[in-house]
N, C-alpha and C. Protein backbone atom coordinates (compact mmCIF):
# COMPACT_ATOMS: atom_id res chain seq x y z
N MET A 1 0.77 -1.13 -0.03
CA MET A 1 0.05 0.02 0.08
C MET A 1 1.05 1.27 0.03
N ARG A 2 0.27 2.22 -0.58
CA ARG A 2 1.06 3.49 -0.50
C ARG A 2 1.08 4.22 0.72
N LYS A 3 2.00 5.10 1.08
CA LYS A 3 2.08 5.77 2.29
C LYS A 3 0.90 6.70 2.44
N LYS A 4 0.37 7.30 1.38
CA LYS A 4 -0.70 8.15 1.51
C LYS A 4 -2.04 7.51 1.82
N THR A 5 -2.18 6.23 1.28
CA THR A 5 -3.39 5.46 1.58
C THR A 5 -3.37 5.03 3.02
N LEU A 6 -2.23 4.62 3.66
CA LEU A 6 -2.08 4.24 4.90
C LEU A 6 -2.40 5.50 5.85
N SER A 7 -1.85 6.60 5.52
CA SER A 7 -2.15 7.79 6.27
C SER A 7 -3.58 8.18 6.38
N ILE A 8 -4.30 8.02 5.25
CA ILE A 8 -5.86 8.36 5.25
C ILE A 8 -6.52 7.26 6.06
N ILE A 9 -6.11 6.12 5.96
CA ILE A 9 -6.88 4.91 6.82
C ILE A 9 -6.54 5.27 8.20
N LEU A 10 -5.36 5.58 8.63
CA LEU A 10 -5.13 5.95 10.07
C LEU A 10 -5.79 7.24 10.43
N ASP A 11 -5.96 8.23 9.60
CA ASP A 11 -6.72 9.30 10.08
C ASP A 11 -8.25 9.06 10.19
N VAL A 12 -8.86 8.28 9.52
CA VAL A 12 -10.14 7.91 9.54
C VAL A 12 -10.37 7.11 10.87
N PHE A 13 -9.43 6.20 11.19
CA PHE A 13 -9.48 5.43 12.42
C PHE A 13 -9.41 6.32 13.61
N ILE A 14 -8.53 7.30 13.60
CA ILE A 14 -8.42 8.16 14.77
C ILE A 14 -9.56 9.06 14.85
N GLY A 15 -10.27 9.31 13.80
CA GLY A 15 -11.43 10.22 13.82
C GLY A 15 -12.56 9.50 14.44
N LEU A 16 -12.77 8.15 14.13
CA LEU A 16 -13.76 7.30 14.71
C LEU A 16 -13.55 6.99 16.06
N LEU A 17 -12.30 6.97 16.49
CA LEU A 17 -12.01 6.85 17.89
C LEU A 17 -12.34 8.05 18.67
N VAL A 18 -11.94 9.19 18.15
CA VAL A 18 -12.37 10.30 18.99
C VAL A 18 -13.85 10.60 19.07
N ILE A 19 -14.64 10.19 18.04
CA ILE A 19 -16.06 10.37 18.13
C ILE A 19 -16.60 9.33 19.12
N THR A 20 -16.00 8.11 19.13
CA THR A 20 -16.48 7.07 20.15
C THR A 20 -16.22 7.59 21.56
N ILE A 21 -15.08 8.09 21.77
CA ILE A 21 -14.82 8.69 23.24
C ILE A 21 -15.63 9.82 23.50
N ILE A 22 -15.96 10.69 22.65
CA ILE A 22 -16.94 11.80 22.82
C ILE A 22 -18.18 11.26 23.18
N LEU A 23 -18.73 10.29 22.54
CA LEU A 23 -20.05 9.66 22.80
C LEU A 23 -20.12 9.00 24.09
N LEU A 24 -19.04 8.29 24.48
CA LEU A 24 -18.96 7.63 25.80
C LEU A 24 -19.08 8.66 26.95
N ILE A 25 -18.34 9.70 26.77
CA ILE A 25 -18.27 10.78 27.88
C ILE A 25 -19.66 11.43 27.97
N TRP A 26 -20.30 11.55 26.81
CA TRP A 26 -21.55 12.10 26.79
C TRP A 26 -22.60 11.25 27.52
N MET A 27 -22.53 9.94 27.15
CA MET A 27 -23.44 9.03 27.83
C MET A 27 -23.24 8.81 29.23
N ILE A 28 -22.03 8.93 29.68
CA ILE A 28 -21.59 8.80 31.13
C ILE A 28 -22.23 10.06 31.85
N GLY A 29 -21.99 11.24 31.18
CA GLY A 29 -22.57 12.47 31.83
C GLY A 29 -24.09 12.46 31.92
N LYS A 30 -24.65 11.89 31.00
CA LYS A 30 -26.22 11.87 30.86
C LYS A 30 -26.68 10.95 31.85
N ARG A 31 -26.04 9.84 32.28
CA ARG A 31 -26.47 8.95 33.25
C ARG A 31 -26.53 9.44 34.52
N GLY A 32 -25.67 10.39 34.88
CA GLY A 32 -25.72 11.10 36.23
C GLY A 32 -24.81 10.29 37.12
N ALA A 33 -24.91 10.69 38.37
CA ALA A 33 -24.09 10.19 39.48
C ALA A 33 -24.57 8.76 39.87
N ALA A 34 -23.65 7.81 40.27
CA ALA A 34 -23.94 6.52 40.65
C ALA A 34 -24.90 6.56 41.87
N PRO A 35 -25.77 5.50 41.98
CA PRO A 35 -26.80 5.39 43.06
C PRO A 35 -25.88 5.27 44.38
N ILE A 36 -26.62 5.83 45.41
CA ILE A 36 -25.93 5.82 46.76
C ILE A 36 -26.28 4.44 47.32
N GLN A 37 -25.11 3.85 47.87
CA GLN A 37 -25.29 2.49 48.45
C GLN A 37 -25.75 2.45 49.71
N ALA A 38 -25.26 3.42 50.47
CA ALA A 38 -25.58 3.41 51.98
C ALA A 38 -27.13 3.96 52.26
N GLN A 39 -27.64 3.58 53.29
CA GLN A 39 -29.07 4.04 53.59
C GLN A 39 -29.00 5.27 54.28
N GLU A 40 -29.78 6.22 53.83
CA GLU A 40 -29.69 7.53 54.56
C GLU A 40 -30.82 7.89 55.57
N GLN A 41 -31.91 7.02 55.57
CA GLN A 41 -32.87 7.18 56.57
C GLN A 41 -33.07 5.90 57.46
N LYS A 42 -33.30 6.14 58.76
CA LYS A 42 -33.30 5.06 59.62
C LYS A 42 -34.72 4.32 59.38
N ASP A 43 -35.77 4.91 59.17
CA ASP A 43 -37.10 4.32 59.07
C ASP A 43 -37.28 3.59 57.78
N GLU A 44 -36.43 3.71 56.72
CA GLU A 44 -36.62 3.04 55.52
C GLU A 44 -36.27 1.61 55.64
N PRO A 45 -36.99 0.58 55.30
CA PRO A 45 -36.57 -0.91 55.41
C PRO A 45 -35.38 -1.15 54.47
N LEU A 46 -34.63 -2.01 54.89
CA LEU A 46 -33.42 -2.55 54.16
C LEU A 46 -33.75 -3.30 52.98
N VAL A 47 -32.91 -3.33 52.00
CA VAL A 47 -33.07 -4.15 50.80
C VAL A 47 -33.04 -5.53 51.10
N PRO A 48 -33.87 -6.47 50.55
CA PRO A 48 -33.71 -7.84 50.88
C PRO A 48 -32.45 -8.38 50.38
N VAL A 49 -31.87 -9.36 51.02
CA VAL A 49 -30.74 -10.02 50.53
C VAL A 49 -31.12 -11.56 50.30
N VAL A 50 -30.62 -11.96 49.21
CA VAL A 50 -30.95 -13.45 48.71
C VAL A 50 -29.75 -14.36 49.11
N THR A 51 -30.05 -15.30 49.92
CA THR A 51 -29.11 -16.25 50.04
C THR A 51 -29.54 -17.69 49.65
N ALA A 52 -28.58 -18.56 49.30
CA ALA A 52 -29.09 -19.92 48.75
C ALA A 52 -28.69 -20.86 49.86
N GLU A 53 -29.56 -21.62 50.45
CA GLU A 53 -29.29 -22.57 51.44
C GLU A 53 -30.00 -23.70 50.99
N GLN A 54 -29.30 -24.85 50.70
CA GLN A 54 -29.96 -26.22 50.49
C GLN A 54 -30.88 -26.07 49.31
N GLY A 55 -30.67 -25.37 48.23
CA GLY A 55 -31.59 -25.43 47.16
C GLY A 55 -32.76 -24.43 47.22
N THR A 56 -32.78 -23.55 48.33
CA THR A 56 -33.90 -22.58 48.40
C THR A 56 -33.23 -21.19 48.49
N VAL A 57 -34.14 -20.22 48.18
CA VAL A 57 -33.67 -18.85 48.17
C VAL A 57 -34.39 -18.14 49.26
N ALA A 58 -33.73 -17.72 50.29
CA ALA A 58 -34.42 -17.13 51.35
C ALA A 58 -34.19 -15.59 51.35
N VAL A 59 -35.33 -14.88 51.59
CA VAL A 59 -35.23 -13.25 51.65
C VAL A 59 -35.18 -12.99 53.04
N GLU A 60 -34.22 -12.23 53.24
CA GLU A 60 -33.88 -11.74 54.67
C GLU A 60 -33.67 -10.40 54.66
N ALA A 61 -34.22 -9.65 55.75
CA ALA A 61 -34.13 -8.23 55.66
C ALA A 61 -34.06 -7.87 57.32
N GLU A 62 -33.19 -6.89 57.65
CA GLU A 62 -33.04 -6.56 59.03
C GLU A 62 -34.40 -5.84 59.33
N PRO A 63 -35.11 -6.04 60.39
CA PRO A 63 -36.42 -5.41 60.73
C PRO A 63 -36.19 -3.91 61.09
N THR A 64 -37.06 -3.15 60.66
CA THR A 64 -37.11 -1.78 61.03
C THR A 64 -38.01 -1.65 62.23
N GLU A 65 -38.25 -0.41 62.82
CA GLU A 65 -39.07 -0.42 64.15
C GLU A 65 -40.37 -0.80 63.61
N ALA A 66 -40.96 -0.39 62.49
CA ALA A 66 -42.47 -0.89 62.15
C ALA A 66 -42.36 -2.32 61.94
N ALA A 67 -41.43 -2.91 61.39
CA ALA A 67 -41.56 -4.37 61.13
C ALA A 67 -40.95 -5.16 62.24
N ALA A 68 -40.42 -4.58 63.28
CA ALA A 68 -39.84 -5.46 64.30
C ALA A 68 -40.91 -6.27 65.03
N ALA A 69 -42.18 -5.94 65.10
CA ALA A 69 -43.23 -6.56 65.68
C ALA A 69 -43.60 -7.79 64.96
N GLU A 70 -43.53 -7.78 63.58
CA GLU A 70 -43.79 -8.80 62.86
C GLU A 70 -42.66 -9.93 62.74
N PRO A 71 -43.18 -11.16 62.75
CA PRO A 71 -42.01 -12.16 62.62
C PRO A 71 -41.74 -12.33 61.15
N THR A 72 -40.33 -12.40 60.81
CA THR A 72 -39.88 -12.66 59.50
C THR A 72 -39.91 -14.14 59.16
N GLU A 73 -40.28 -14.50 57.93
CA GLU A 73 -40.29 -15.73 57.44
C GLU A 73 -39.56 -15.92 56.18
N ASP A 74 -38.94 -17.12 55.95
CA ASP A 74 -38.24 -17.33 54.71
C ASP A 74 -39.35 -17.62 53.56
N LYS A 75 -39.05 -17.00 52.43
CA LYS A 75 -39.96 -17.26 51.25
C LYS A 75 -39.07 -17.98 50.34
N ILE A 76 -39.73 -18.92 49.60
CA ILE A 76 -39.04 -19.60 48.42
C ILE A 76 -39.61 -18.88 47.21
N LEU A 77 -38.48 -18.59 46.37
CA LEU A 77 -38.77 -17.91 45.11
C LEU A 77 -38.91 -19.00 44.00
N TYR A 78 -40.04 -18.85 43.24
CA TYR A 78 -40.22 -19.77 42.10
C TYR A 78 -40.24 -18.96 40.74
N ALA A 79 -40.19 -19.59 39.77
CA ALA A 79 -40.18 -19.03 38.34
C ALA A 79 -40.94 -20.05 37.47
N THR A 80 -41.61 -19.50 36.49
CA THR A 80 -42.30 -20.36 35.48
C THR A 80 -41.99 -19.62 34.08
N PRO A 81 -41.92 -20.46 33.24
CA PRO A 81 -41.61 -19.94 31.76
C PRO A 81 -42.74 -19.01 31.34
N ASP A 82 -42.44 -17.97 30.76
CA ASP A 82 -43.42 -16.95 30.22
C ASP A 82 -43.29 -17.03 28.71
N THR A 83 -43.62 -18.12 28.02
CA THR A 83 -43.50 -18.14 26.52
C THR A 83 -44.65 -19.01 25.99
N SER A 84 -44.80 -18.78 24.59
CA SER A 84 -45.89 -19.31 23.97
C SER A 84 -45.53 -20.93 23.60
N SER A 85 -44.43 -21.22 23.66
CA SER A 85 -43.91 -22.61 23.24
C SER A 85 -43.04 -23.20 24.36
N THR A 86 -41.84 -23.55 24.18
CA THR A 86 -40.85 -24.03 25.10
C THR A 86 -39.61 -23.13 25.33
N VAL A 87 -38.91 -23.20 26.24
CA VAL A 87 -37.64 -22.50 26.45
C VAL A 87 -36.54 -23.55 26.80
N ASN A 88 -35.30 -23.37 26.33
CA ASN A 88 -34.28 -24.23 26.63
C ASN A 88 -33.74 -24.18 28.02
N VAL A 89 -33.49 -25.24 28.61
CA VAL A 89 -32.79 -25.23 29.97
C VAL A 89 -31.34 -25.66 29.68
N ARG A 90 -30.49 -24.86 30.25
CA ARG A 90 -29.04 -25.18 29.92
C ARG A 90 -28.26 -25.58 31.16
N SER A 91 -27.11 -26.19 30.86
CA SER A 91 -26.24 -26.66 31.87
C SER A 91 -25.53 -25.51 32.61
N GLY A 92 -25.48 -24.33 32.09
CA GLY A 92 -24.71 -23.23 32.58
C GLY A 92 -25.37 -21.94 32.01
N ALA A 93 -24.88 -20.73 32.45
CA ALA A 93 -25.48 -19.43 32.23
C ALA A 93 -24.91 -18.96 31.00
N GLY A 94 -25.54 -19.52 29.84
CA GLY A 94 -25.13 -19.06 28.47
C GLY A 94 -25.52 -20.00 27.44
N THR A 95 -25.78 -19.48 26.26
CA THR A 95 -26.20 -20.38 25.16
C THR A 95 -25.13 -21.34 24.62
N ASN A 96 -23.90 -21.00 25.09
CA ASN A 96 -22.80 -21.99 24.83
C ASN A 96 -22.77 -23.26 25.59
N PHE A 97 -23.49 -23.31 26.57
CA PHE A 97 -23.59 -24.51 27.49
C PHE A 97 -24.67 -25.57 26.91
N ASP A 98 -24.42 -26.83 27.36
CA ASP A 98 -25.23 -27.85 26.73
C ASP A 98 -26.78 -27.65 27.13
N LYS A 99 -27.61 -28.21 26.16
CA LYS A 99 -29.01 -28.05 26.49
C LYS A 99 -29.45 -29.34 27.23
N LEU A 100 -30.04 -29.09 28.54
CA LEU A 100 -30.41 -30.34 29.40
C LEU A 100 -31.86 -30.65 29.03
N GLY A 101 -32.66 -29.86 28.43
CA GLY A 101 -33.97 -30.17 28.08
C GLY A 101 -34.65 -28.79 27.79
N SER A 102 -36.01 -28.82 27.89
CA SER A 102 -36.81 -27.68 27.72
C SER A 102 -37.98 -27.61 28.75
N ALA A 103 -38.53 -26.43 28.93
CA ALA A 103 -39.56 -26.16 29.88
C ALA A 103 -40.66 -25.40 29.07
N SER A 104 -41.84 -25.79 29.55
CA SER A 104 -43.02 -25.11 28.91
C SER A 104 -43.71 -24.20 29.80
N ALA A 105 -44.48 -23.24 29.26
CA ALA A 105 -45.25 -22.27 30.03
C ALA A 105 -46.11 -23.01 31.16
N GLY A 106 -46.11 -22.54 32.26
CA GLY A 106 -46.82 -23.06 33.39
C GLY A 106 -45.99 -24.09 34.18
N GLU A 107 -44.84 -24.58 33.77
CA GLU A 107 -44.09 -25.45 34.67
C GLU A 107 -43.35 -24.59 35.69
N GLU A 108 -43.34 -25.14 36.98
CA GLU A 108 -42.91 -24.48 38.00
C GLU A 108 -41.51 -24.95 38.51
N PHE A 109 -40.63 -23.92 38.72
CA PHE A 109 -39.25 -24.24 39.21
C PHE A 109 -38.88 -23.51 40.37
N GLU A 110 -38.20 -24.25 41.24
CA GLU A 110 -37.67 -23.45 42.52
C GLU A 110 -36.37 -22.68 42.10
N VAL A 111 -36.23 -21.47 42.39
CA VAL A 111 -35.16 -20.69 42.04
C VAL A 111 -33.98 -20.89 42.98
N ILE A 112 -32.87 -21.12 42.58
CA ILE A 112 -31.68 -21.21 43.37
C ILE A 112 -30.96 -19.80 43.48
N SER A 113 -30.85 -19.16 42.39
CA SER A 113 -30.28 -17.83 42.58
C SER A 113 -30.59 -17.25 41.09
N VAL A 114 -30.61 -15.85 41.19
CA VAL A 114 -30.81 -15.08 39.99
C VAL A 114 -29.47 -14.35 39.72
N LEU A 115 -28.87 -14.61 38.54
CA LEU A 115 -27.50 -14.22 38.30
C LEU A 115 -27.44 -12.80 37.75
N ALA A 116 -26.44 -12.00 37.99
CA ALA A 116 -26.25 -10.80 37.38
C ALA A 116 -26.02 -10.77 36.07
N VAL A 117 -25.70 -11.92 35.43
CA VAL A 117 -25.33 -12.02 33.89
C VAL A 117 -26.62 -12.38 33.17
N GLY A 118 -27.92 -12.29 33.75
CA GLY A 118 -29.06 -12.28 32.87
C GLY A 118 -29.69 -13.76 32.91
N TRP A 119 -29.03 -14.66 33.76
CA TRP A 119 -29.59 -16.10 33.81
C TRP A 119 -30.17 -16.41 35.21
N THR A 120 -31.04 -17.35 35.29
CA THR A 120 -31.57 -17.77 36.58
C THR A 120 -31.10 -19.29 36.69
N LYS A 121 -30.65 -19.72 37.84
CA LYS A 121 -30.20 -20.95 38.31
C LYS A 121 -31.30 -21.51 39.06
N LEU A 122 -31.84 -22.79 38.56
CA LEU A 122 -33.02 -23.27 39.26
C LEU A 122 -32.97 -24.69 39.35
N SER A 123 -33.80 -25.24 40.13
CA SER A 123 -33.99 -26.67 40.30
C SER A 123 -34.62 -27.28 39.18
N TYR A 124 -33.96 -28.10 38.37
CA TYR A 124 -34.71 -28.73 37.19
C TYR A 124 -34.48 -30.24 37.14
N ARG A 125 -35.54 -30.89 37.33
CA ARG A 125 -35.72 -32.47 37.30
C ARG A 125 -34.57 -32.98 38.20
N GLY A 126 -34.39 -32.57 39.43
CA GLY A 126 -33.43 -33.19 40.33
C GLY A 126 -32.14 -32.64 40.25
N ASP A 127 -31.76 -31.74 39.23
CA ASP A 127 -30.45 -31.28 38.99
C ASP A 127 -30.70 -29.74 39.03
N GLU A 128 -29.54 -29.04 38.65
CA GLU A 128 -29.52 -27.72 38.45
C GLU A 128 -29.59 -27.38 37.01
N GLY A 129 -30.33 -26.26 36.63
CA GLY A 129 -30.36 -25.76 35.11
C GLY A 129 -30.54 -24.28 35.19
N TYR A 130 -30.29 -23.67 33.93
CA TYR A 130 -30.16 -22.40 33.78
C TYR A 130 -31.27 -21.97 32.68
N ILE A 131 -32.06 -20.96 32.88
CA ILE A 131 -32.97 -20.32 31.90
C ILE A 131 -32.65 -18.91 31.92
N HIS A 132 -32.63 -18.26 30.61
CA HIS A 132 -32.50 -16.79 30.50
C HIS A 132 -33.58 -16.12 31.21
N ASN A 133 -33.36 -15.08 31.93
CA ASN A 133 -34.35 -14.27 32.83
C ASN A 133 -35.35 -13.78 31.83
N ASP A 134 -35.19 -13.36 30.60
CA ASP A 134 -36.12 -12.91 29.71
C ASP A 134 -37.38 -13.71 29.48
N TYR A 135 -37.30 -15.09 29.84
CA TYR A 135 -38.29 -16.16 29.55
C TYR A 135 -39.04 -16.51 30.92
N LEU A 136 -38.79 -15.93 32.06
CA LEU A 136 -39.37 -16.33 33.30
C LEU A 136 -40.20 -15.18 33.86
N ASP A 137 -41.24 -15.64 34.64
CA ASP A 137 -42.02 -14.84 35.52
C ASP A 137 -41.62 -15.38 36.91
N TYR A 138 -41.43 -14.47 37.94
CA TYR A 138 -41.03 -14.92 39.26
C TYR A 138 -42.14 -14.56 40.23
N TYR A 139 -42.30 -15.47 41.37
CA TYR A 139 -43.27 -15.29 42.25
C TYR A 139 -42.82 -16.08 43.50
N TYR A 140 -43.51 -15.63 44.64
CA TYR A 140 -43.48 -16.45 45.85
C TYR A 140 -44.89 -17.11 46.12
N LYS A 141 -44.85 -18.23 46.70
CA LYS A 141 -46.02 -18.88 47.19
C LYS A 141 -46.31 -18.45 48.65
N VAL A 142 -47.47 -17.91 48.95
CA VAL A 142 -47.86 -17.44 50.23
C VAL A 142 -48.99 -18.00 50.71
N GLN A 143 -49.09 -18.30 52.05
CA GLN A 143 -50.29 -19.01 52.56
C GLN A 143 -50.97 -17.96 53.50
N ASP A 144 -52.19 -17.88 53.49
CA ASP A 144 -52.99 -16.95 54.31
C ASP A 144 -53.20 -17.64 55.74
N GLU A 145 -53.96 -17.03 56.41
CA GLU A 145 -54.16 -17.51 57.84
C GLU A 145 -55.00 -18.83 57.79
N ASN A 146 -55.71 -19.21 56.65
CA ASN A 146 -56.58 -20.23 56.53
C ASN A 146 -55.84 -21.34 55.78
N GLY A 147 -54.52 -21.16 55.49
CA GLY A 147 -53.69 -22.23 54.79
C GLY A 147 -53.90 -22.19 53.31
N ASN A 148 -54.63 -21.27 52.81
CA ASN A 148 -54.93 -21.21 51.39
C ASN A 148 -53.57 -20.66 50.70
N GLU A 149 -53.09 -21.22 49.66
CA GLU A 149 -51.85 -20.86 48.95
C GLU A 149 -52.25 -19.90 47.82
N THR A 150 -51.51 -18.70 47.85
CA THR A 150 -51.64 -17.78 46.70
C THR A 150 -50.31 -17.40 46.17
N ARG A 151 -50.33 -16.79 45.12
CA ARG A 151 -49.07 -16.44 44.29
C ARG A 151 -48.85 -15.01 44.37
N GLU A 152 -47.73 -14.57 44.95
CA GLU A 152 -47.26 -13.10 45.07
C GLU A 152 -46.27 -12.94 44.01
N ASP A 153 -46.63 -12.23 42.86
CA ASP A 153 -45.78 -12.00 41.78
C ASP A 153 -44.57 -11.09 42.20
N ILE A 154 -43.46 -11.00 41.79
CA ILE A 154 -42.30 -10.20 42.01
C ILE A 154 -41.58 -9.82 40.59
N GLU A 155 -41.41 -8.47 40.47
CA GLU A 155 -40.75 -8.09 39.24
C GLU A 155 -39.12 -8.52 39.34
N LEU A 156 -38.69 -8.86 38.17
CA LEU A 156 -37.16 -9.16 38.14
C LEU A 156 -36.29 -8.04 38.66
N ALA A 157 -36.67 -6.89 38.52
CA ALA A 157 -35.83 -5.69 38.93
C ALA A 157 -35.81 -5.61 40.44
N ASP A 158 -36.77 -6.35 41.09
CA ASP A 158 -36.75 -6.25 42.59
C ASP A 158 -36.10 -7.50 43.29
N ILE A 159 -35.60 -8.36 42.44
CA ILE A 159 -34.82 -9.57 42.94
C ILE A 159 -33.32 -9.21 43.01
N PRO A 160 -32.78 -9.28 44.13
CA PRO A 160 -31.30 -9.12 44.15
C PRO A 160 -30.47 -10.18 43.33
N LYS A 161 -29.53 -9.79 42.59
CA LYS A 161 -28.74 -10.74 41.74
C LYS A 161 -27.43 -10.96 42.39
N VAL A 162 -26.99 -12.14 42.00
CA VAL A 162 -25.76 -12.58 42.64
C VAL A 162 -24.71 -12.95 41.40
N GLU A 163 -23.54 -12.88 41.76
CA GLU A 163 -22.46 -13.15 40.85
C GLU A 163 -22.14 -14.61 40.96
N GLU A 164 -21.80 -15.21 39.87
CA GLU A 164 -21.38 -16.70 40.04
C GLU A 164 -20.07 -16.99 39.32
């Protein structure tokens, strides 16, 4: 290649790099400050923490003054596929992992953990399997004082994520 051609290619590359950096700075500035991690008010309840113990996900929160009188109980998180057909169940958190099988809408799975990478680890036919979060609805089973079981839906955004 000629020296002039290489110079033009290098100039274009540097120009694109500068534009990319400017866009990144603009996007970071538009996003604003990072969320505050520490709690600022005493009366505000703490964010639930998900821990996995023997295949269950327990939601624990330190009680506030208002909640101190109420007994805390462990809730088991469940998920069911939200799909018109079936969804793949994988051996790991990613499409590059082996397919263990599939799950249909309405099948119920006990959640082991919800991963920050966008996958849910769940109990699948006596083993562990992974389904992408986009294909699941999440809920707790709750019993009223008469022993009747109801479903308490929970949004994915409200479920703490874990690293794996």
